[in-house]
Amino acid sequence: MSDNPAALRMMRGLVREGRSTSIELGPLDPAAIAEIARRLAPSVDADRVVRESEGNPLLALELSRALATGNPATWDSMGGLIAERLSRLEARVSSSRRSSRSRAFRRSIS
């Protein structure tokens, strides 16, 4: 996570608050990753998913989804995936806040 300061801050906060548990897991073997890819998206190149996910099942799932929809992955690491998801969340929160302010403004001038 050293390549993602936002995710690192979040994880440190969870640890500090006692809201996380660390479990060391090794990578899944190539056959298991290929099975994930084939079950999720039979048309994707399972060998590519195996190669690029490096045994990480979450990356295998997300890469399979991205390849199946024709959208290239915009990340190349777990930190990059987390950063991309956090940016989506931040965009939704910002949009929601703008919408809430707009409704509150309309009510106050009505």
PDB file of N, CA and C in Angstrom:
ATOM      1  N   MET A   1       0.808  -1.197   0.000  1.00  0.00           N
ATOM      2  CA  MET A   1       0.000   0.000   0.000  1.00  0.00           C
ATOM      3  C   MET A   1       0.852   1.262   0.000  1.00  0.00           C
ATOM      4  N   SER A   2       2.134   1.101  -0.025  1.00  0.00           N
ATOM      5  CA  SER A   2       2.994   2.273   0.006  1.00  0.00           C
ATOM      6  C   SER A   2       2.787   3.169  -1.211  1.00  0.00           C
ATOM      7  N   ASP A   3       2.218   2.617  -2.286  1.00  0.00           N
ATOM      8  CA  ASP A   3       1.970   3.412  -3.485  1.00  0.00           C
ATOM      9  C   ASP A   3       0.621   4.125  -3.434  1.00  0.00           C
ATOM     10  N   ASN A   4      -0.100   4.011  -2.320  1.00  0.00           N
ATOM     11  CA  ASN A   4      -1.420   4.624  -2.197  1.00  0.00           C
ATOM     12  C   ASN A   4      -1.570   5.275  -0.824  1.00  0.00           C
ATOM     13  N   PRO A   5      -1.195   6.544  -0.703  1.00  0.00           N
ATOM     14  CA  PRO A   5      -1.247   7.218   0.598  1.00  0.00           C
ATOM     15  C   PRO A   5      -2.640   7.240   1.229  1.00  0.00           C
ATOM     16  N   ALA A   6      -3.685   7.402   0.428  1.00  0.00           N
ATOM     17  CA  ALA A   6      -5.048   7.449   0.983  1.00  0.00           C
ATOM     18  C   ALA A   6      -5.417   6.111   1.619  1.00  0.00           C
ATOM     19  N   ALA A   7      -5.125   5.027   0.930  1.00  0.00           N
ATOM     20  CA  ALA A   7      -5.432   3.704   1.472  1.00  0.00           C
ATOM     21  C   ALA A   7      -4.582   3.416   2.702  1.00  0.00           C
ATOM     22  N   LEU A   8      -3.342   3.844   2.679  1.00  0.00           N
ATOM     23  CA  LEU A   8      -2.460   3.642   3.814  1.00  0.00           C
ATOM     24  C   LEU A   8      -2.979   4.392   5.044  1.00  0.00           C
ATOM     25  N   ARG A   9      -3.428   5.641   4.857  1.00  0.00           N
ATOM     26  CA  ARG A   9      -3.997   6.411   5.976  1.00  0.00           C
ATOM     27  C   ARG A   9      -5.245   5.722   6.524  1.00  0.00           C
ATOM     28  N   MET A  10      -6.088   5.247   5.609  1.00  0.00           N
ATOM     29  CA  MET A  10      -7.306   4.566   6.027  1.00  0.00           C
ATOM     30  C   MET A  10      -6.968   3.326   6.851  1.00  0.00           C
ATOM     31  N   MET A  11      -6.044   2.517   6.372  1.00  0.00           N
ATOM     32  CA  MET A  11      -5.674   1.301   7.088  1.00  0.00           C
ATOM     33  C   MET A  11      -5.049   1.617   8.442  1.00  0.00           C
ATOM     34  N   ARG A  12      -4.198   2.620   8.493  1.00  0.00           N
ATOM     35  CA  ARG A  12      -3.595   3.001   9.777  1.00  0.00           C
ATOM     36  C   ARG A  12      -4.667   3.449  10.765  1.00  0.00           C
ATOM     37  N   GLY A  13      -5.668   4.181  10.275  1.00  0.00           N
ATOM     38  CA  GLY A  13      -6.773   4.610  11.136  1.00  0.00           C
ATOM     39  C   GLY A  13      -7.560   3.428  11.671  1.00  0.00           C
ATOM     40  N   LEU A  14      -7.827   2.449  10.824  1.00  0.00           N
ATOM     41  CA  LEU A  14      -8.551   1.258  11.263  1.00  0.00           C
ATOM     42  C   LEU A  14      -7.759   0.479  12.313  1.00  0.00           C
ATOM     43  N   VAL A  15      -6.459   0.377  12.105  1.00  0.00           N
ATOM     44  CA  VAL A  15      -5.602  -0.308  13.080  1.00  0.00           C
ATOM     45  C   VAL A  15      -5.602   0.461  14.392  1.00  0.00           C
ATOM     46  N   ARG A  16      -5.423   1.777  14.306  1.00  0.00           N
ATOM     47  CA  ARG A  16      -5.378   2.619  15.499  1.00  0.00           C
ATOM     48  C   ARG A  16      -6.666   2.492  16.315  1.00  0.00           C
ATOM     49  N   GLU A  17      -7.801   2.393  15.636  1.00  0.00           N
ATOM     50  CA  GLU A  17      -9.102   2.290  16.301  1.00  0.00           C
ATOM     51  C   GLU A  17      -9.449   0.859  16.699  1.00  0.00           C
ATOM     52  N   GLY A  18      -8.565  -0.068  16.405  1.00  0.00           N
ATOM     53  CA  GLY A  18      -8.817  -1.469  16.741  1.00  0.00           C
ATOM     54  C   GLY A  18      -9.925  -2.093  15.918  1.00  0.00           C
ATOM     55  N   ARG A  19     -10.119  -1.585  14.699  1.00  0.00           N
ATOM     56  CA  ARG A  19     -11.214  -2.058  13.849  1.00  0.00           C
ATOM     57  C   ARG A  19     -10.735  -2.935  12.696  1.00  0.00           C
ATOM     58  N   SER A  20      -9.538  -3.491  12.818  1.00  0.00           N
ATOM     59  CA  SER A  20      -9.033  -4.341  11.745  1.00  0.00           C
ATOM     60  C   SER A  20      -8.317  -5.555  12.329  1.00  0.00           C
ATOM     61  N   THR A  21      -8.244  -6.563  11.529  1.00  0.00           N
ATOM     62  CA  THR A  21      -7.511  -7.769  11.876  1.00  0.00           C
ATOM     63  C   THR A  21      -6.631  -8.114  10.694  1.00  0.00           C
ATOM     64  N   SER A  22      -5.381  -8.400  10.950  1.00  0.00           N
ATOM     65  CA  SER A  22      -4.460  -8.767   9.878  1.00  0.00           C
ATOM     66  C   SER A  22      -4.382 -10.278   9.753  1.00  0.00           C
ATOM     67  N   ILE A  23      -4.519 -10.741   8.528  1.00  0.00           N
ATOM     68  CA  ILE A  23      -4.381 -12.157   8.226  1.00  0.00           C
ATOM     69  C   ILE A  23      -3.447 -12.252   7.030  1.00  0.00           C
ATOM     70  N   GLU A  24      -2.344 -12.942   7.208  1.00  0.00           N
ATOM     71  CA  GLU A  24      -1.386 -13.102   6.120  1.00  0.00           C
ATOM     72  C   GLU A  24      -1.846 -14.237   5.203  1.00  0.00           C
ATOM     73  N   LEU A  25      -2.054 -13.930   3.954  1.00  0.00           N
ATOM     74  CA  LEU A  25      -2.453 -14.929   2.967  1.00  0.00           C
ATOM     75  C   LEU A  25      -1.462 -14.918   1.817  1.00  0.00           C
ATOM     76  N   GLY A  26      -1.139 -16.076   1.335  1.00  0.00           N
ATOM     77  CA  GLY A  26      -0.283 -16.172   0.162  1.00  0.00           C
ATOM     78  C   GLY A  26      -1.119 -16.086  -1.101  1.00  0.00           C
ATOM     79  N   PRO A  27      -0.477 -15.976  -2.238  1.00  0.00           N
ATOM     80  CA  PRO A  27      -1.220 -15.912  -3.501  1.00  0.00           C
ATOM     81  C   PRO A  27      -1.898 -17.248  -3.809  1.00  0.00           C
ATOM     82  N   LEU A  28      -3.005 -17.165  -4.540  1.00  0.00           N
ATOM     83  CA  LEU A  28      -3.649 -18.389  -5.019  1.00  0.00           C
ATOM     84  C   LEU A  28      -2.820 -18.970  -6.155  1.00  0.00           C
ATOM     85  N   ASP A  29      -2.923 -20.278  -6.328  1.00  0.00           N
ATOM     86  CA  ASP A  29      -2.168 -20.898  -7.415  1.00  0.00           C
ATOM     87  C   ASP A  29      -2.817 -20.546  -8.757  1.00  0.00           C
ATOM     88  N   PRO A  30      -2.056 -20.628  -9.838  1.00  0.00           N
ATOM     89  CA  PRO A  30      -2.568 -20.248 -11.159  1.00  0.00           C
ATOM     90  C   PRO A  30      -3.862 -20.946 -11.559  1.00  0.00           C
ATOM     91  N   ALA A  31      -4.027 -22.225 -11.203  1.00  0.00           N
ATOM     92  CA  ALA A  31      -5.253 -22.950 -11.571  1.00  0.00           C
ATOM     93  C   ALA A  31      -6.471 -22.336 -10.882  1.00  0.00           C
ATOM     94  N   ALA A  32      -6.324 -21.930  -9.625  1.00  0.00           N
ATOM     95  CA  ALA A  32      -7.442 -21.325  -8.899  1.00  0.00           C
ATOM     96  C   ALA A  32      -7.809 -19.964  -9.496  1.00  0.00           C
ATOM     97  N   ILE A  33      -6.800 -19.184  -9.865  1.00  0.00           N
ATOM     98  CA  ILE A  33      -7.057 -17.875 -10.478  1.00  0.00           C
ATOM     99  C   ILE A  33      -7.731 -18.053 -11.827  1.00  0.00           C
ATOM    100  N   ALA A  34      -7.266 -19.009 -12.611  1.00  0.00           N
ATOM    101  CA  ALA A  34      -7.881 -19.270 -13.921  1.00  0.00           C
ATOM    102  C   ALA A  34      -9.337 -19.701 -13.758  1.00  0.00           C
ATOM    103  N   GLU A  35      -9.623 -20.487 -12.728  1.00  0.00           N
ATOM    104  CA  GLU A  35     -10.995 -20.918 -12.456  1.00  0.00           C
ATOM    105  C   GLU A  35     -11.882 -19.726 -12.101  1.00  0.00           C
ATOM    106  N   ILE A  36     -11.371 -18.811 -11.297  1.00  0.00           N
ATOM    107  CA  ILE A  36     -12.117 -17.588 -10.961  1.00  0.00           C
ATOM    108  C   ILE A  36     -12.454 -16.832 -12.238  1.00  0.00           C
ATOM    109  N   ALA A  37     -11.458 -16.631 -13.072  1.00  0.00           N
ATOM    110  CA  ALA A  37     -11.661 -15.869 -14.315  1.00  0.00           C
ATOM    111  C   ALA A  37     -12.690 -16.552 -15.209  1.00  0.00           C
ATOM    112  N   ARG A  38     -12.570 -17.864 -15.391  1.00  0.00           N
ATOM    113  CA  ARG A  38     -13.485 -18.594 -16.288  1.00  0.00           C
ATOM    114  C   ARG A  38     -14.917 -18.614 -15.763  1.00  0.00           C
ATOM    115  N   ARG A  39     -15.077 -18.742 -14.456  1.00  0.00           N
ATOM    116  CA  ARG A  39     -16.430 -18.763 -13.895  1.00  0.00           C
ATOM    117  C   ARG A  39     -17.101 -17.397 -13.977  1.00  0.00           C
ATOM    118  N   LEU A  40     -16.327 -16.356 -13.771  1.00  0.00           N
ATOM    119  CA  LEU A  40     -16.884 -15.012 -13.808  1.00  0.00           C
ATOM    120  C   LEU A  40     -17.146 -14.545 -15.227  1.00  0.00           C
ATOM    121  N   ALA A  41     -16.202 -14.811 -16.105  1.00  0.00           N
ATOM    122  CA  ALA A  41     -16.309 -14.326 -17.486  1.00  0.00           C
ATOM    123  C   ALA A  41     -15.651 -15.343 -18.422  1.00  0.00           C
ATOM    124  N   PRO A  42     -16.416 -16.314 -18.888  1.00  0.00           N
ATOM    125  CA  PRO A  42     -15.841 -17.391 -19.701  1.00  0.00           C
ATOM    126  C   PRO A  42     -15.086 -16.925 -20.948  1.00  0.00           C
ATOM    127  N   SER A  43     -15.400 -15.738 -21.451  1.00  0.00           N
ATOM    128  CA  SER A  43     -14.767 -15.283 -22.692  1.00  0.00           C
ATOM    129  C   SER A  43     -13.414 -14.594 -22.481  1.00  0.00           C
ATOM    130  N   VAL A  44     -13.033 -14.319 -21.243  1.00  0.00           N
ATOM    131  CA  VAL A  44     -11.774 -13.590 -21.026  1.00  0.00           C
ATOM    132  C   VAL A  44     -10.574 -14.515 -21.160  1.00  0.00           C
ATOM    133  N   ASP A  45      -9.432 -13.916 -21.393  1.00  0.00           N
ATOM    134  CA  ASP A  45      -8.172 -14.638 -21.496  1.00  0.00           C
ATOM    135  C   ASP A  45      -7.703 -14.977 -20.074  1.00  0.00           C
ATOM    136  N   ALA A  46      -8.003 -16.199 -19.627  1.00  0.00           N
ATOM    137  CA  ALA A  46      -7.676 -16.612 -18.259  1.00  0.00           C
ATOM    138  C   ALA A  46      -6.175 -16.555 -18.003  1.00  0.00           C
ATOM    139  N   ASP A  47      -5.361 -16.857 -19.017  1.00  0.00           N
ATOM    140  CA  ASP A  47      -3.905 -16.789 -18.829  1.00  0.00           C
ATOM    141  C   ASP A  47      -3.465 -15.363 -18.519  1.00  0.00           C
ATOM    142  N   ARG A  48      -4.091 -14.401 -19.172  1.00  0.00           N
ATOM    143  CA  ARG A  48      -3.763 -12.999 -18.897  1.00  0.00           C
ATOM    144  C   ARG A  48      -4.147 -12.639 -17.462  1.00  0.00           C
ATOM    145  N   VAL A  49      -5.321 -13.079 -17.025  1.00  0.00           N
ATOM    146  CA  VAL A  49      -5.766 -12.805 -15.660  1.00  0.00           C
ATOM    147  C   VAL A  49      -4.800 -13.428 -14.665  1.00  0.00           C
ATOM    148  N   VAL A  50      -4.374 -14.658 -14.922  1.00  0.00           N
ATOM    149  CA  VAL A  50      -3.408 -15.326 -14.045  1.00  0.00           C
ATOM    150  C   VAL A  50      -2.123 -14.513 -13.972  1.00  0.00           C
ATOM    151  N   ARG A  51      -1.634 -14.112 -15.119  1.00  0.00           N
ATOM    152  CA  ARG A  51      -0.369 -13.380 -15.203  1.00  0.00           C
ATOM    153  C   ARG A  51      -0.466 -12.028 -14.504  1.00  0.00           C
ATOM    154  N   GLU A  52      -1.505 -11.265 -14.793  1.00  0.00           N
ATOM    155  CA  GLU A  52      -1.588  -9.896 -14.284  1.00  0.00           C
ATOM    156  C   GLU A  52      -2.066  -9.803 -12.839  1.00  0.00           C
ATOM    157  N   SER A  53      -2.811 -10.789 -12.373  1.00  0.00           N
ATOM    158  CA  SER A  53      -3.299 -10.730 -10.992  1.00  0.00           C
ATOM    159  C   SER A  53      -2.255 -11.210  -9.986  1.00  0.00           C
ATOM    160  N   GLU A  54      -1.277 -11.947 -10.466  1.00  0.00           N
ATOM    161  CA  GLU A  54      -0.190 -12.461  -9.622  1.00  0.00           C
ATOM    162  C   GLU A  54      -0.701 -13.209  -8.401  1.00  0.00           C
ATOM    163  N   GLY A  55      -1.801 -13.959  -8.585  1.00  0.00           N
ATOM    164  CA  GLY A  55      -2.326 -14.774  -7.501  1.00  0.00           C
ATOM    165  C   GLY A  55      -3.283 -14.071  -6.569  1.00  0.00           C
ATOM    166  N   ASN A  56      -3.564 -12.791  -6.811  1.00  0.00           N
ATOM    167  CA  ASN A  56      -4.463 -12.035  -5.947  1.00  0.00           C
ATOM    168  C   ASN A  56      -5.903 -12.232  -6.436  1.00  0.00           C
ATOM    169  N   PRO A  57      -6.756 -12.872  -5.635  1.00  0.00           N
ATOM    170  CA  PRO A  57      -8.115 -13.160  -6.114  1.00  0.00           C
ATOM    171  C   PRO A  57      -8.962 -11.915  -6.369  1.00  0.00           C
ATOM    172  N   LEU A  58      -8.797 -10.871  -5.580  1.00  0.00           N
ATOM    173  CA  LEU A  58      -9.562  -9.648  -5.830  1.00  0.00           C
ATOM    174  C   LEU A  58      -9.154  -9.024  -7.156  1.00  0.00           C
ATOM    175  N   LEU A  59      -7.867  -8.968  -7.416  1.00  0.00           N
ATOM    176  CA  LEU A  59      -7.416  -8.438  -8.710  1.00  0.00           C
ATOM    177  C   LEU A  59      -7.902  -9.332  -9.850  1.00  0.00           C
ATOM    178  N   ALA A  60      -7.925 -10.634  -9.627  1.00  0.00           N
ATOM    179  CA  ALA A  60      -8.417 -11.554 -10.668  1.00  0.00           C
ATOM    180  C   ALA A  60      -9.886 -11.276 -10.972  1.00  0.00           C
ATOM    181  N   LEU A  61     -10.696 -11.093  -9.935  1.00  0.00           N
ATOM    182  CA  LEU A  61     -12.112 -10.777 -10.141  1.00  0.00           C
ATOM    183  C   LEU A  61     -12.289  -9.467 -10.898  1.00  0.00           C
ATOM    184  N   GLU A  62     -11.618  -8.436 -10.431  1.00  0.00           N
ATOM    185  CA  GLU A  62     -11.784  -7.118 -11.035  1.00  0.00           C
ATOM    186  C   GLU A  62     -11.228  -7.065 -12.454  1.00  0.00           C
ATOM    187  N   LEU A  63     -10.102  -7.712 -12.677  1.00  0.00           N
ATOM    188  CA  LEU A  63      -9.535  -7.744 -14.021  1.00  0.00           C
ATOM    189  C   LEU A  63     -10.446  -8.528 -14.963  1.00  0.00           C
ATOM    190  N   SER A  64     -10.998  -9.634 -14.495  1.00  0.00           N
ATOM    191  CA  SER A  64     -11.932 -10.416 -15.316  1.00  0.00           C
ATOM    192  C   SER A  64     -13.148  -9.575 -15.690  1.00  0.00           C
ATOM    193  N   ARG A  65     -13.688  -8.853 -14.721  1.00  0.00           N
ATOM    194  CA  ARG A  65     -14.836  -7.985 -14.998  1.00  0.00           C
ATOM    195  C   ARG A  65     -14.479  -6.916 -16.019  1.00  0.00           C
ATOM    196  N   ALA A  66     -13.329  -6.291 -15.830  1.00  0.00           N
ATOM    197  CA  ALA A  66     -12.908  -5.231 -16.746  1.00  0.00           C
ATOM    198  C   ALA A  66     -12.729  -5.774 -18.165  1.00  0.00           C
ATOM    199  N   LEU A  67     -12.080  -6.908 -18.287  1.00  0.00           N
ATOM    200  CA  LEU A  67     -11.853  -7.493 -19.603  1.00  0.00           C
ATOM    201  C   LEU A  67     -13.171  -7.938 -20.249  1.00  0.00           C
ATOM    202  N   ALA A  68     -14.092  -8.467 -19.450  1.00  0.00           N
ATOM    203  CA  ALA A  68     -15.371  -8.940 -19.988  1.00  0.00           C
ATOM    204  C   ALA A  68     -16.217  -7.793 -20.524  1.00  0.00           C
ATOM    205  N   THR A  69     -16.105  -6.621 -19.920  1.00  0.00           N
ATOM    206  CA  THR A  69     -16.899  -5.472 -20.368  1.00  0.00           C
ATOM    207  C   THR A  69     -16.187  -4.660 -21.433  1.00  0.00           C
ATOM    208  N   GLY A  70     -14.934  -5.014 -21.724  1.00  0.00           N
ATOM    209  CA  GLY A  70     -14.183  -4.273 -22.727  1.00  0.00           C
ATOM    210  C   GLY A  70     -13.561  -2.997 -22.191  1.00  0.00           C
ATOM    211  N   ASN A  71     -13.693  -2.767 -20.886  1.00  0.00           N
ATOM    212  CA  ASN A  71     -13.082  -1.581 -20.264  1.00  0.00           C
ATOM    213  C   ASN A  71     -11.711  -1.959 -19.732  1.00  0.00           C
ATOM    214  N   PRO A  72     -10.685  -1.294 -20.192  1.00  0.00           N
ATOM    215  CA  PRO A  72      -9.353  -1.626 -19.671  1.00  0.00           C
ATOM    216  C   PRO A  72      -9.240  -1.241 -18.205  1.00  0.00           C
ATOM    217  N   ALA A  73      -8.537  -2.053 -17.451  1.00  0.00           N
ATOM    218  CA  ALA A  73      -8.301  -1.727 -16.046  1.00  0.00           C
ATOM    219  C   ALA A  73      -7.447  -0.469 -15.977  1.00  0.00           C
ATOM    220  N   THR A  74      -7.812   0.429 -15.085  1.00  0.00           N
ATOM    221  CA  THR A  74      -7.062   1.680 -14.938  1.00  0.00           C
ATOM    222  C   THR A  74      -6.054   1.584 -13.804  1.00  0.00           C
ATOM    223  N   TRP A  75      -5.809   0.391 -13.315  1.00  0.00           N
ATOM    224  CA  TRP A  75      -4.898   0.174 -12.203  1.00  0.00           C
ATOM    225  C   TRP A  75      -4.050  -1.050 -12.512  1.00  0.00           C
ATOM    226  N   ASP A  76      -2.916  -1.126 -11.847  1.00  0.00           N
ATOM    227  CA  ASP A  76      -2.049  -2.282 -12.072  1.00  0.00           C
ATOM    228  C   ASP A  76      -1.538  -2.875 -10.763  1.00  0.00           C
ATOM    229  N   SER A  77      -2.194  -2.502  -9.667  1.00  0.00           N
ATOM    230  CA  SER A  77      -1.808  -3.032  -8.366  1.00  0.00           C
ATOM    231  C   SER A  77      -3.007  -2.968  -7.435  1.00  0.00           C
ATOM    232  N   MET A  78      -2.898  -3.624  -6.313  1.00  0.00           N
ATOM    233  CA  MET A  78      -3.964  -3.586  -5.325  1.00  0.00           C
ATOM    234  C   MET A  78      -4.176  -2.148  -4.855  1.00  0.00           C
ATOM    235  N   GLY A  79      -3.088  -1.433  -4.612  1.00  0.00           N
ATOM    236  CA  GLY A  79      -3.201  -0.029  -4.192  1.00  0.00           C
ATOM    237  C   GLY A  79      -3.898   0.806  -5.246  1.00  0.00           C
ATOM    238  N   GLY A  80      -3.593   0.558  -6.507  1.00  0.00           N
ATOM    239  CA  GLY A  80      -4.236   1.287  -7.588  1.00  0.00           C
ATOM    240  C   GLY A  80      -5.719   0.992  -7.670  1.00  0.00           C
ATOM    241  N   LEU A  81      -6.092  -0.276  -7.449  1.00  0.00           N
ATOM    242  CA  LEU A  81      -7.503  -0.655  -7.448  1.00  0.00           C
ATOM    243  C   LEU A  81      -8.244   0.053  -6.318  1.00  0.00           C
ATOM    244  N   ILE A  82      -7.653   0.045  -5.131  1.00  0.00           N
ATOM    245  CA  ILE A  82      -8.279   0.709  -3.985  1.00  0.00           C
ATOM    246  C   ILE A  82      -8.409   2.202  -4.247  1.00  0.00           C
ATOM    247  N   ALA A  83      -7.367   2.821  -4.789  1.00  0.00           N
ATOM    248  CA  ALA A  83      -7.426   4.259  -5.086  1.00  0.00           C
ATOM    249  C   ALA A  83      -8.528   4.561  -6.089  1.00  0.00           C
ATOM    250  N   GLU A  84      -8.672   3.709  -7.108  1.00  0.00           N
ATOM    251  CA  GLU A  84      -9.711   3.930  -8.112  1.00  0.00           C
ATOM    252  C   GLU A  84     -11.089   3.818  -7.483  1.00  0.00           C
ATOM    253  N   ARG A  85     -11.280   2.834  -6.607  1.00  0.00           N
ATOM    254  CA  ARG A  85     -12.577   2.672  -5.942  1.00  0.00           C
ATOM    255  C   ARG A  85     -12.859   3.828  -4.985  1.00  0.00           C
ATOM    256  N   LEU A  86     -11.840   4.272  -4.263  1.00  0.00           N
ATOM    257  CA  LEU A  86     -12.032   5.416  -3.358  1.00  0.00           C
ATOM    258  C   LEU A  86     -12.379   6.679  -4.141  1.00  0.00           C
ATOM    259  N   SER A  87     -11.771   6.861  -5.319  1.00  0.00           N
ATOM    260  CA  SER A  87     -12.080   8.052  -6.111  1.00  0.00           C
ATOM    261  C   SER A  87     -13.519   8.000  -6.606  1.00  0.00           C
ATOM    262  N   ARG A  88     -14.022   6.806  -6.935  1.00  0.00           N
ATOM    263  CA  ARG A  88     -15.434   6.667  -7.322  1.00  0.00           C
ATOM    264  C   ARG A  88     -16.342   7.048  -6.158  1.00  0.00           C
ATOM    265  N   LEU A  89     -15.980   6.553  -4.978  1.00  0.00           N
ATOM    266  CA  LEU A  89     -16.770   6.841  -3.787  1.00  0.00           C
ATOM    267  C   LEU A  89     -16.756   8.337  -3.488  1.00  0.00           C
ATOM    268  N   GLU A  90     -15.578   8.945  -3.571  1.00  0.00           N
ATOM    269  CA  GLU A  90     -15.468  10.386  -3.319  1.00  0.00           C
ATOM    270  C   GLU A  90     -16.301  11.174  -4.314  1.00  0.00           C
ATOM    271  N   ALA A  91     -16.328  10.745  -5.569  1.00  0.00           N
ATOM    272  CA  ALA A  91     -17.129  11.435  -6.582  1.00  0.00           C
ATOM    273  C   ALA A  91     -18.616  11.318  -6.254  1.00  0.00           C
ATOM    274  N   ARG A  92     -19.050  10.144  -5.807  1.00  0.00           N
ATOM    275  CA  ARG A  92     -20.466   9.968  -5.436  1.00  0.00           C
ATOM    276  C   ARG A  92     -20.833  10.828  -4.238  1.00  0.00           C
ATOM    277  N   VAL A  93     -19.948  10.878  -3.249  1.00  0.00           N
ATOM    278  CA  VAL A  93     -20.210  11.682  -2.052  1.00  0.00           C
ATOM    279  C   VAL A  93     -20.292  13.154  -2.427  1.00  0.00           C
ATOM    280  N   SER A  94     -19.369  13.628  -3.258  1.00  0.00           N
ATOM    281  CA  SER A  94     -19.390  15.024  -3.692  1.00  0.00           C
ATOM    282  C   SER A  94     -20.663  15.334  -4.442  1.00  0.00           C
ATOM    283  N   SER A  95     -21.067  14.441  -5.325  1.00  0.00           N
ATOM    284  CA  SER A  95     -22.294  14.639  -6.094  1.00  0.00           C
ATOM    285  C   SER A  95     -23.503  14.668  -5.174  1.00  0.00           C
ATOM    286  N   SER A  96     -23.523  13.788  -4.207  1.00  0.00           N
ATOM    287  CA  SER A  96     -24.634  13.730  -3.259  1.00  0.00           C
ATOM    288  C   SER A  96     -24.702  15.007  -2.425  1.00  0.00           C
ATOM    289  N   ARG A  97     -23.555  15.505  -2.002  1.00  0.00           N
ATOM    290  CA  ARG A  97     -23.524  16.753  -1.219  1.00  0.00           C
ATOM    291  C   ARG A  97     -24.029  17.923  -2.043  1.00  0.00           C
ATOM    292  N   ARG A  98     -23.600  17.994  -3.315  1.00  0.00           N
ATOM    293  CA  ARG A  98     -24.065  19.083  -4.175  1.00  0.00           C
ATOM    294  C   ARG A  98     -25.574  19.017  -4.344  1.00  0.00           C
ATOM    295  N   SER A  99     -26.086  17.812  -4.538  1.00  0.00           N
ATOM    296  CA  SER A  99     -27.521  17.625  -4.712  1.00  0.00           C
ATOM    297  C   SER A  99     -28.271  18.029  -3.444  1.00  0.00           C
ATOM    298  N   SER A 100     -27.745  17.660  -2.291  1.00  0.00           N
ATOM    299  CA  SER A 100     -28.385  18.015  -1.024  1.00  0.00           C
ATOM    300  C   SER A 100     -28.392  19.514  -0.827  1.00  0.00           C
ATOM    301  N   ARG A 101     -27.283  20.171  -1.133  1.00  0.00           N
ATOM    302  CA  ARG A 101     -27.224  21.634  -0.990  1.00  0.00           C
ATOM    303  C   ARG A 101     -28.207  22.303  -1.931  1.00  0.00           C
ATOM    304  N   SER A 102     -28.333  21.777  -3.137  1.00  0.00           N
ATOM    305  CA  SER A 102     -29.250  22.352  -4.119  1.00  0.00           C
ATOM    306  C   SER A 102     -30.688  22.247  -3.626  1.00  0.00           C
ATOM    307  N   ARG A 103     -31.067  21.088  -3.083  1.00  0.00           N
ATOM    308  CA  ARG A 103     -32.428  20.921  -2.559  1.00  0.00           C
ATOM    309  C   ARG A 103     -32.665  21.856  -1.386  1.00  0.00           C
ATOM    310  N   ALA A 104     -31.657  21.983  -0.500  1.00  0.00           N
ATOM    311  CA  ALA A 104     -31.807  22.859   0.662  1.00  0.00           C
ATOM    312  C   ALA A 104     -31.948  24.308   0.221  1.00  0.00           C
ATOM    313  N   PHE A 105     -31.216  24.705  -0.812  1.00  0.00           N
ATOM    314  CA  PHE A 105     -31.301  26.073  -1.313  1.00  0.00           C
ATOM    315  C   PHE A 105     -32.667  26.339  -1.905  1.00  0.00           C
ATOM    316  N   ARG A 106     -33.176  25.392  -2.688  1.00  0.00           N
ATOM    317  CA  ARG A 106     -34.502  25.572  -3.299  1.00  0.00           C
ATOM    318  C   ARG A 106     -35.573  25.681  -2.226  1.00  0.00           C
ATOM    319  N   ARG A 107     -35.466  24.914  -1.164  1.00  0.00           N
ATOM    320  CA  ARG A 107     -36.437  24.980  -0.090  1.00  0.00           C
ATOM    321  C   ARG A 107     -36.388  26.328   0.613  1.00  0.00           C
ATOM    322  N   SER A 108     -35.198  26.857   0.799  1.00  0.00           N
ATOM    323  CA  SER A 108     -35.083  28.113   1.550  1.00  0.00           C
ATOM    324  C   SER A 108     -35.619  29.303   0.771  1.00  0.00           C
ATOM    325  N   ILE A 109     -35.643  29.231  -0.566  1.00  0.00           N
ATOM    326  CA  ILE A 109     -36.166  30.368  -1.326  1.00  0.00           C
ATOM    327  C   ILE A 109     -37.616  30.172  -1.742  1.00  0.00           C
ATOM    328  N   SER A 110     -38.178  29.032  -1.442  1.00  0.00           N
ATOM    329  CA  SER A 110     -39.580  28.752  -1.819  1.00  0.00           C
ATOM    330  C   SER A 110     -40.536  29.481  -0.909  1.00  0.00           C
TER     331      SER A 110
END
